Amino acid sequence: MGVFRTAAIILFIISVPVALVTTNVRFMANEPRVYRYAIDQFDAVATTGIARAELIRAGGEIRDYFNNAEDTLSIEVVQDGKETSLFNPRETAHMRDVKDRFQWVSKANEFSLMYALSYIVVVVLWAREVSPRALAVQVAGGCVVCLVALGAVGAVGLAGFDSAWEDFHQIMFSNDFWLLNPATDHLIQIFPPAFWERIVFLVGLMVVAESALLILAAGLYLGASRHHEEAHLEPEYA
C-alpha cells in the first residue's frame, strides 16, 4: 500500500468523526428550538426583564449573525418601555470570538463532508482502489474513533462540567471576554452554564447514536456481502 493511499485512508477515517461532530454542532447552532428551549427552560424572561417575543427575535438575529458577513452583533430590544442594546461591549466582543470559532467549525464540516464524498466517488467507485467492504470497515473504524474520543470527553465532563467548561473556554479563547456576570450580562442570563451542560450532553448523545447506527449498517453490509460471496462460490469436487 502506497504512502498516498494510506494517507487518504487515514484522512477518510478521521473525516468521519469530524463530520459527525461538526454537523451536529452546526445543526444545534442554527436550530430555533434550541434558542426557545434556552429562553423557556431557564427563565430568561424573568432573569433579563425582557419580553419573550423580544428574546425569540434576538435568537433569530444571533443565528443570522453566525451565518452572515457582519463583524459586530448589534441587537436592539425593548426593555422597560425603552429600546436598548441587548448585549454590552464585552458580550459583543465575546460573540465576535464565538462567530470566529463557529466559522472554523463550519469549514471543518464542509471539508470533512466534501473529502468523504470525494473519497467514496474517486477512490472507491471510480478508481476502485478500495472495495465497498473495505469502505464499510473504514466507516466503522471512524465511528469507533469518534466513540472513543467522546468517551474521553465524557469522562472529563463527569469529573466536573463547570471546570471542564472553563478549561474549554481557556483553550478556545485567547482573552477573558467569556467571563460574564450572571447578575448583569444578558448573554449568560439567556444561555446559562446549565443550558450548555444539557446541550453538550445532547450533542454527544446524537453523535453516539449516529455512530452506533453507522457501525450497525457497516456490520450488516459486511455480513450480507460475505454471505452473498459465499453463496456464489464454485463447489469443489474431490
C-alpha atoms as a PDB file:
ATOM      1  CA  MET A   1       0.000   0.000   0.000  1.00  0.00           C
ATOM      2  CA  GLY A   2       1.463   3.325  -1.076  1.00  0.00           C
ATOM      3  CA  VAL A   3       2.052   6.255   1.212  1.00  0.00           C
ATOM      4  CA  PHE A   4      -0.576   8.418  -0.506  1.00  0.00           C
ATOM      5  CA  ARG A   5      -3.197   5.691  -0.372  1.00  0.00           C
ATOM      6  CA  THR A   6      -2.502   5.115   3.315  1.00  0.00           C
ATOM      7  CA  ALA A   7      -2.721   8.841   3.986  1.00  0.00           C
ATOM      8  CA  ALA A   8      -6.001   9.039   2.066  1.00  0.00           C
ATOM      9  CA  ILE A   9      -7.481   6.197   4.127  1.00  0.00           C
ATOM     10  CA  ILE A  10      -6.361   7.716   7.427  1.00  0.00           C
ATOM     11  CA  LEU A  11      -7.766  11.095   6.435  1.00  0.00           C
ATOM     12  CA  PHE A  12     -11.063   9.471   5.492  1.00  0.00           C
ATOM     13  CA  ILE A  13     -11.281   7.681   8.839  1.00  0.00           C
ATOM     14  CA  ILE A  14     -10.603  10.984  10.621  1.00  0.00           C
ATOM     15  CA  SER A  15     -13.158  12.792   8.454  1.00  0.00           C
ATOM     16  CA  VAL A  16     -15.940  10.542   9.748  1.00  0.00           C
ATOM     17  CA  PRO A  17     -15.893  11.735  13.394  1.00  0.00           C
ATOM     18  CA  VAL A  18     -15.152  15.315  12.318  1.00  0.00           C
ATOM     19  CA  ALA A  19     -18.173  15.289  10.017  1.00  0.00           C
ATOM     20  CA  LEU A  20     -20.423  13.771  12.674  1.00  0.00           C
ATOM     21  CA  VAL A  21     -19.473  16.211  15.427  1.00  0.00           C
ATOM     22  CA  THR A  22     -19.392  19.375  13.320  1.00  0.00           C
ATOM     23  CA  THR A  23     -22.678  18.564  11.567  1.00  0.00           C
ATOM     24  CA  ASN A  24     -24.442  18.253  14.905  1.00  0.00           C
ATOM     25  CA  VAL A  25     -22.830  21.417  16.275  1.00  0.00           C
ATOM     26  CA  ARG A  26     -23.946  23.386  13.211  1.00  0.00           C
ATOM     27  CA  PHE A  27     -27.432  21.944  13.485  1.00  0.00           C
ATOM     28  CA  MET A  28     -27.762  22.977  17.133  1.00  0.00           C
ATOM     29  CA  ALA A  29     -26.402  26.468  16.466  1.00  0.00           C
ATOM     30  CA  ASN A  30     -28.971  27.035  13.713  1.00  0.00           C
ATOM     31  CA  GLU A  31     -31.990  25.306  15.265  1.00  0.00           C
ATOM     32  CA  PRO A  32     -34.660  27.785  16.518  1.00  0.00           C
ATOM     33  CA  ARG A  33     -35.976  25.251  19.052  1.00  0.00           C
ATOM     34  CA  VAL A  34     -32.637  25.312  20.852  1.00  0.00           C
ATOM     35  CA  TYR A  35     -32.967  29.049  21.437  1.00  0.00           C
ATOM     36  CA  ARG A  36     -36.591  28.718  22.536  1.00  0.00           C
ATOM     37  CA  TYR A  37     -35.529  25.980  24.921  1.00  0.00           C
ATOM     38  CA  ALA A  38     -32.888  28.247  26.494  1.00  0.00           C
ATOM     39  CA  ILE A  39     -35.386  31.082  26.895  1.00  0.00           C
ATOM     40  CA  ASP A  40     -38.249  28.996  28.256  1.00  0.00           C
ATOM     41  CA  GLN A  41     -36.489  26.395  30.379  1.00  0.00           C
ATOM     42  CA  PHE A  42     -34.069  28.719  32.150  1.00  0.00           C
ATOM     43  CA  ASP A  43     -36.466  31.570  32.882  1.00  0.00           C
ATOM     44  CA  ALA A  44     -34.687  34.105  30.677  1.00  0.00           C
ATOM     45  CA  VAL A  45     -37.690  36.442  30.608  1.00  0.00           C
ATOM     46  CA  ALA A  46     -37.667  36.886  34.383  1.00  0.00           C
ATOM     47  CA  THR A  47     -33.868  36.981  34.605  1.00  0.00           C
ATOM     48  CA  THR A  48     -33.359  39.577  31.882  1.00  0.00           C
ATOM     49  CA  GLY A  49     -36.578  41.553  32.306  1.00  0.00           C
ATOM     50  CA  ILE A  50     -37.096  41.357  28.533  1.00  0.00           C
ATOM     51  CA  ALA A  51     -40.279  40.060  26.896  1.00  0.00           C
ATOM     52  CA  ARG A  52     -40.218  36.562  25.405  1.00  0.00           C
ATOM     53  CA  ALA A  53     -41.072  37.831  21.914  1.00  0.00           C
ATOM     54  CA  GLU A  54     -38.058  40.144  22.025  1.00  0.00           C
ATOM     55  CA  LEU A  55     -35.765  37.324  23.135  1.00  0.00           C
ATOM     56  CA  ILE A  56     -37.106  34.987  20.447  1.00  0.00           C
ATOM     57  CA  ARG A  57     -36.429  37.663  17.816  1.00  0.00           C
ATOM     58  CA  ALA A  58     -32.948  38.185  19.266  1.00  0.00           C
ATOM     59  CA  GLY A  59     -32.282  34.449  18.934  1.00  0.00           C
ATOM     60  CA  GLY A  60     -33.069  34.701  15.230  1.00  0.00           C
ATOM     61  CA  GLU A  61     -30.675  37.618  14.865  1.00  0.00           C
ATOM     62  CA  ILE A  62     -27.936  35.629  16.610  1.00  0.00           C
ATOM     63  CA  ARG A  63     -28.438  32.763  14.148  1.00  0.00           C
ATOM     64  CA  ASP A  64     -28.298  35.217  11.248  1.00  0.00           C
ATOM     65  CA  TYR A  65     -25.092  36.709  12.661  1.00  0.00           C
ATOM     66  CA  PHE A  66     -23.398  33.303  12.716  1.00  0.00           C
ATOM     67  CA  ASN A  67     -24.100  32.904   9.006  1.00  0.00           C
ATOM     68  CA  ASN A  68     -23.605  36.400   7.596  1.00  0.00           C
ATOM     69  CA  ALA A  69     -20.572  38.604   6.916  1.00  0.00           C
ATOM     70  CA  GLU A  70     -21.211  41.117   9.699  1.00  0.00           C
ATOM     71  CA  ASP A  71     -18.300  41.640  12.079  1.00  0.00           C
ATOM     72  CA  THR A  72     -20.260  43.021  15.032  1.00  0.00           C
ATOM     73  CA  LEU A  73     -23.516  41.746  16.501  1.00  0.00           C
ATOM     74  CA  SER A  74     -25.963  44.558  17.207  1.00  0.00           C
ATOM     75  CA  ILE A  75     -29.364  43.631  18.636  1.00  0.00           C
ATOM     76  CA  GLU A  76     -31.818  46.218  19.919  1.00  0.00           C
ATOM     77  CA  VAL A  77     -34.615  45.113  22.260  1.00  0.00           C
ATOM     78  CA  VAL A  78     -37.362  46.854  24.184  1.00  0.00           C
ATOM     79  CA  GLN A  79     -36.778  46.753  27.938  1.00  0.00           C
ATOM     80  CA  ASP A  80     -38.862  48.734  30.435  1.00  0.00           C
ATOM     81  CA  GLY A  81     -40.521  50.543  27.549  1.00  0.00           C
ATOM     82  CA  LYS A  82     -37.217  51.744  26.080  1.00  0.00           C
ATOM     83  CA  GLU A  83     -35.144  50.460  23.173  1.00  0.00           C
ATOM     84  CA  THR A  84     -31.730  49.321  24.363  1.00  0.00           C
ATOM     85  CA  SER A  85     -28.827  47.136  23.263  1.00  0.00           C
ATOM     86  CA  LEU A  86     -29.246  43.508  24.298  1.00  0.00           C
ATOM     87  CA  PHE A  87     -25.518  42.963  24.789  1.00  0.00           C
ATOM     88  CA  ASN A  88     -22.857  45.203  26.288  1.00  0.00           C
ATOM     89  CA  PRO A  89     -19.433  45.732  24.603  1.00  0.00           C
ATOM     90  CA  ARG A  90     -17.843  42.814  26.461  1.00  0.00           C
ATOM     91  CA  GLU A  91     -20.590  40.427  25.422  1.00  0.00           C
ATOM     92  CA  THR A  92     -20.439  41.736  21.854  1.00  0.00           C
ATOM     93  CA  ALA A  93     -16.680  41.132  21.752  1.00  0.00           C
ATOM     94  CA  HIS A  94     -17.181  37.582  23.010  1.00  0.00           C
ATOM     95  CA  MET A  95     -19.842  36.942  20.372  1.00  0.00           C
ATOM     96  CA  ARG A  96     -17.356  38.064  17.719  1.00  0.00           C
ATOM     97  CA  ASP A  97     -14.943  35.418  19.047  1.00  0.00           C
ATOM     98  CA  VAL A  98     -17.714  32.819  19.114  1.00  0.00           C
ATOM     99  CA  LYS A  99     -18.596  33.575  15.493  1.00  0.00           C
ATOM    100  CA  ASP A 100     -14.954  33.168  14.513  1.00  0.00           C
ATOM    101  CA  ARG A 101     -14.797  29.738  16.178  1.00  0.00           C
ATOM    102  CA  PHE A 102     -18.133  28.767  14.649  1.00  0.00           C
ATOM    103  CA  GLN A 103     -16.721  29.582  11.216  1.00  0.00           C
ATOM    104  CA  TRP A 104     -13.875  27.163  11.990  1.00  0.00           C
ATOM    105  CA  VAL A 105     -16.483  24.506  12.748  1.00  0.00           C
ATOM    106  CA  SER A 106     -18.327  25.267   9.506  1.00  0.00           C
ATOM    107  CA  LYS A 107     -15.149  24.998   7.433  1.00  0.00           C
ATOM    108  CA  ALA A 108     -14.165  21.732   9.148  1.00  0.00           C
ATOM    109  CA  ASN A 109     -17.659  20.412   8.495  1.00  0.00           C
ATOM    110  CA  GLU A 110     -17.621  21.344   4.826  1.00  0.00           C
ATOM    111  CA  PHE A 111     -14.098  19.977   4.270  1.00  0.00           C
ATOM    112  CA  SER A 112     -14.796  16.673   6.037  1.00  0.00           C
ATOM    113  CA  LEU A 113     -18.039  16.100   4.129  1.00  0.00           C
ATOM    114  CA  MET A 114     -16.504  17.034   0.778  1.00  0.00           C
ATOM    115  CA  TYR A 115     -13.448  14.865   1.408  1.00  0.00           C
ATOM    116  CA  ALA A 116     -15.537  11.870   2.455  1.00  0.00           C
ATOM    117  CA  LEU A 117     -17.765  12.211  -0.615  1.00  0.00           C
ATOM    118  CA  SER A 118     -14.771  12.674  -2.943  1.00  0.00           C
ATOM    119  CA  TYR A 119     -13.033   9.651  -1.410  1.00  0.00           C
ATOM    120  CA  ILE A 120     -16.074   7.453  -1.993  1.00  0.00           C
ATOM    121  CA  VAL A 121     -16.591   8.658  -5.571  1.00  0.00           C
ATOM    122  CA  VAL A 122     -12.957   8.732  -6.700  1.00  0.00           C
ATOM    123  CA  VAL A 123     -11.167   6.055  -4.673  1.00  0.00           C
ATOM    124  CA  VAL A 124     -13.963   3.536  -4.178  1.00  0.00           C
ATOM    125  CA  LEU A 125     -16.334   3.893  -7.147  1.00  0.00           C
ATOM    126  CA  TRP A 126     -14.078   5.239  -9.916  1.00  0.00           C
ATOM    127  CA  ALA A 127     -10.502   4.012  -9.277  1.00  0.00           C
ATOM    128  CA  ARG A 128     -11.699   1.002  -7.250  1.00  0.00           C
ATOM    129  CA  GLU A 129      -8.554   1.088  -5.154  1.00  0.00           C
ATOM    130  CA  VAL A 130     -10.723   0.399  -2.104  1.00  0.00           C
ATOM    131  CA  SER A 131     -13.544  -2.139  -2.150  1.00  0.00           C
ATOM    132  CA  PRO A 132     -17.007  -1.397  -0.742  1.00  0.00           C
ATOM    133  CA  ARG A 133     -16.291  -3.906   2.036  1.00  0.00           C
ATOM    134  CA  ALA A 134     -13.088  -2.082   2.954  1.00  0.00           C
ATOM    135  CA  LEU A 135     -15.024   1.190   2.881  1.00  0.00           C
ATOM    136  CA  ALA A 136     -17.533  -0.245   5.363  1.00  0.00           C
ATOM    137  CA  VAL A 137     -14.669  -1.231   7.660  1.00  0.00           C
ATOM    138  CA  GLN A 138     -13.176   2.256   7.402  1.00  0.00           C
ATOM    139  CA  VAL A 139     -16.504   3.937   8.180  1.00  0.00           C
ATOM    140  CA  ALA A 140     -16.911   1.705  11.215  1.00  0.00           C
ATOM    141  CA  GLY A 141     -13.334   2.480  12.227  1.00  0.00           C
ATOM    142  CA  GLY A 142     -14.002   6.213  12.042  1.00  0.00           C
ATOM    143  CA  CYS A 143     -17.093   5.760  14.207  1.00  0.00           C
ATOM    144  CA  VAL A 144     -15.101   3.798  16.769  1.00  0.00           C
ATOM    145  CA  VAL A 145     -12.527   6.601  16.895  1.00  0.00           C
ATOM    146  CA  CYS A 146     -15.410   9.023  17.419  1.00  0.00           C
ATOM    147  CA  LEU A 147     -16.874   6.962  20.278  1.00  0.00           C
ATOM    148  CA  VAL A 148     -13.500   6.652  21.995  1.00  0.00           C
ATOM    149  CA  ALA A 149     -12.922  10.406  21.756  1.00  0.00           C
ATOM    150  CA  LEU A 150     -16.409  11.140  23.069  1.00  0.00           C
ATOM    151  CA  GLY A 151     -15.841   8.697  25.903  1.00  0.00           C
ATOM    152  CA  ALA A 152     -12.701  10.566  26.920  1.00  0.00           C
ATOM    153  CA  VAL A 153     -14.500  13.915  26.757  1.00  0.00           C
ATOM    154  CA  GLY A 154     -17.436  12.476  28.678  1.00  0.00           C
ATOM    155  CA  ALA A 155     -15.144  11.200  31.419  1.00  0.00           C
ATOM    156  CA  VAL A 156     -13.695  14.693  31.815  1.00  0.00           C
ATOM    157  CA  GLY A 157     -17.186  16.158  31.917  1.00  0.00           C
ATOM    158  CA  LEU A 158     -18.347  13.707  34.564  1.00  0.00           C
ATOM    159  CA  ALA A 159     -15.452  14.775  36.748  1.00  0.00           C
ATOM    160  CA  GLY A 160     -17.000  18.264  36.820  1.00  0.00           C
ATOM    161  CA  PHE A 161     -18.762  20.069  33.979  1.00  0.00           C
ATOM    162  CA  ASP A 162     -18.081  23.567  35.299  1.00  0.00           C
ATOM    163  CA  SER A 163     -14.318  23.060  35.446  1.00  0.00           C
ATOM    164  CA  ALA A 164     -14.307  21.278  32.066  1.00  0.00           C
ATOM    165  CA  TRP A 165     -16.356  24.116  30.544  1.00  0.00           C
ATOM    166  CA  GLU A 166     -13.905  26.654  31.945  1.00  0.00           C
ATOM    167  CA  ASP A 167     -10.936  24.696  30.574  1.00  0.00           C
ATOM    168  CA  PHE A 168     -12.659  24.558  27.176  1.00  0.00           C
ATOM    169  CA  HIS A 169     -13.003  28.346  27.105  1.00  0.00           C
ATOM    170  CA  GLN A 170      -9.406  28.868  28.164  1.00  0.00           C
ATOM    171  CA  ILE A 171      -8.260  26.637  25.303  1.00  0.00           C
ATOM    172  CA  MET A 172     -10.586  28.118  22.703  1.00  0.00           C
ATOM    173  CA  PHE A 173     -10.237  31.834  23.509  1.00  0.00           C
ATOM    174  CA  SER A 174      -7.153  33.988  23.974  1.00  0.00           C
ATOM    175  CA  ASN A 175      -8.976  36.550  26.138  1.00  0.00           C
ATOM    176  CA  ASP A 176     -11.347  36.570  29.118  1.00  0.00           C
ATOM    177  CA  PHE A 177     -14.384  38.140  27.441  1.00  0.00           C
ATOM    178  CA  TRP A 178     -16.220  34.870  28.128  1.00  0.00           C
ATOM    179  CA  LEU A 179     -16.112  35.600  31.872  1.00  0.00           C
ATOM    180  CA  LEU A 180     -19.554  37.188  32.249  1.00  0.00           C
ATOM    181  CA  ASN A 181     -21.604  38.357  35.224  1.00  0.00           C
ATOM    182  CA  PRO A 182     -24.869  36.379  35.678  1.00  0.00           C
ATOM    183  CA  ALA A 183     -26.351  39.316  37.602  1.00  0.00           C
ATOM    184  CA  THR A 184     -25.986  41.842  34.788  1.00  0.00           C
ATOM    185  CA  ASP A 185     -24.944  40.251  31.483  1.00  0.00           C
ATOM    186  CA  HIS A 186     -27.810  39.139  29.274  1.00  0.00           C
ATOM    187  CA  LEU A 187     -25.767  36.621  27.273  1.00  0.00           C
ATOM    188  CA  ILE A 188     -25.150  34.368  30.258  1.00  0.00           C
ATOM    189  CA  GLN A 189     -28.655  35.030  31.576  1.00  0.00           C
ATOM    190  CA  ILE A 190     -30.152  33.690  28.336  1.00  0.00           C
ATOM    191  CA  PHE A 191     -27.623  30.883  27.929  1.00  0.00           C
ATOM    192  CA  PRO A 192     -26.520  29.869  31.455  1.00  0.00           C
ATOM    193  CA  PRO A 193     -23.984  27.081  32.166  1.00  0.00           C
ATOM    194  CA  ALA A 194     -26.819  24.645  32.955  1.00  0.00           C
ATOM    195  CA  PHE A 195     -28.132  25.150  29.416  1.00  0.00           C
ATOM    196  CA  TRP A 196     -24.735  24.415  27.908  1.00  0.00           C
ATOM    197  CA  GLU A 197     -24.342  21.296  30.024  1.00  0.00           C
ATOM    198  CA  ARG A 198     -27.564  19.897  28.568  1.00  0.00           C
ATOM    199  CA  ILE A 199     -26.715  20.945  25.020  1.00  0.00           C
ATOM    200  CA  VAL A 200     -23.258  19.379  25.175  1.00  0.00           C
ATOM    201  CA  PHE A 201     -24.837  16.179  26.511  1.00  0.00           C
ATOM    202  CA  LEU A 202     -27.449  16.216  23.732  1.00  0.00           C
ATOM    203  CA  VAL A 203     -24.846  16.744  21.002  1.00  0.00           C
ATOM    204  CA  GLY A 204     -22.794  13.895  22.441  1.00  0.00           C
ATOM    205  CA  LEU A 205     -25.861  11.651  22.578  1.00  0.00           C
ATOM    206  CA  MET A 206     -26.748  12.440  18.967  1.00  0.00           C
ATOM    207  CA  VAL A 207     -23.211  11.688  17.773  1.00  0.00           C
ATOM    208  CA  VAL A 208     -23.115   8.423  19.754  1.00  0.00           C
ATOM    209  CA  ALA A 209     -26.449   7.331  18.275  1.00  0.00           C
ATOM    210  CA  GLU A 210     -25.359   8.210  14.724  1.00  0.00           C
ATOM    211  CA  SER A 211     -22.016   6.438  15.183  1.00  0.00           C
ATOM    212  CA  ALA A 212     -23.765   3.333  16.502  1.00  0.00           C
ATOM    213  CA  LEU A 213     -26.160   3.319  13.537  1.00  0.00           C
ATOM    214  CA  LEU A 214     -23.285   3.616  11.063  1.00  0.00           C
ATOM    215  CA  ILE A 215     -21.398   0.793  12.781  1.00  0.00           C
ATOM    216  CA  LEU A 216     -24.547  -1.345  12.670  1.00  0.00           C
ATOM    217  CA  ALA A 217     -25.098  -0.543   8.988  1.00  0.00           C
ATOM    218  CA  ALA A 218     -21.466  -1.355   8.176  1.00  0.00           C
ATOM    219  CA  GLY A 219     -21.710  -4.626  10.093  1.00  0.00           C
ATOM    220  CA  LEU A 220     -24.929  -5.623   8.338  1.00  0.00           C
ATOM    221  CA  TYR A 221     -23.405  -4.819   4.946  1.00  0.00           C
ATOM    222  CA  LEU A 222     -20.270  -6.808   5.694  1.00  0.00           C
ATOM    223  CA  GLY A 223     -22.345  -9.763   6.844  1.00  0.00           C
ATOM    224  CA  ALA A 224     -24.676  -9.633   3.840  1.00  0.00           C
ATOM    225  CA  SER A 225     -21.865  -9.205   1.304  1.00  0.00           C
ATOM    226  CA  ARG A 226     -19.899 -12.075   2.812  1.00  0.00           C
ATOM    227  CA  HIS A 227     -22.958 -14.331   2.662  1.00  0.00           C
ATOM    228  CA  HIS A 228     -23.508 -13.268  -0.973  1.00  0.00           C
ATOM    229  CA  GLU A 229     -19.906 -14.096  -1.899  1.00  0.00           C
ATOM    230  CA  GLU A 230     -20.057 -17.494  -0.186  1.00  0.00           C
ATOM    231  CA  ALA A 231     -23.304 -18.328  -1.985  1.00  0.00           C
ATOM    232  CA  HIS A 232     -21.646 -17.763  -5.373  1.00  0.00           C
ATOM    233  CA  LEU A 233     -18.502 -19.802  -4.744  1.00  0.00           C
ATOM    234  CA  GLU A 234     -17.985 -22.677  -7.142  1.00  0.00           C
ATOM    235  CA  PRO A 235     -18.364 -26.045  -5.362  1.00  0.00           C
ATOM    236  CA  GLU A 236     -15.193 -28.082  -5.086  1.00  0.00           C
ATOM    237  CA  TYR A 237     -15.166 -31.757  -6.062  1.00  0.00           C
ATOM    238  CA  ALA A 238     -12.764 -34.435  -4.902  1.00  0.00           C
END
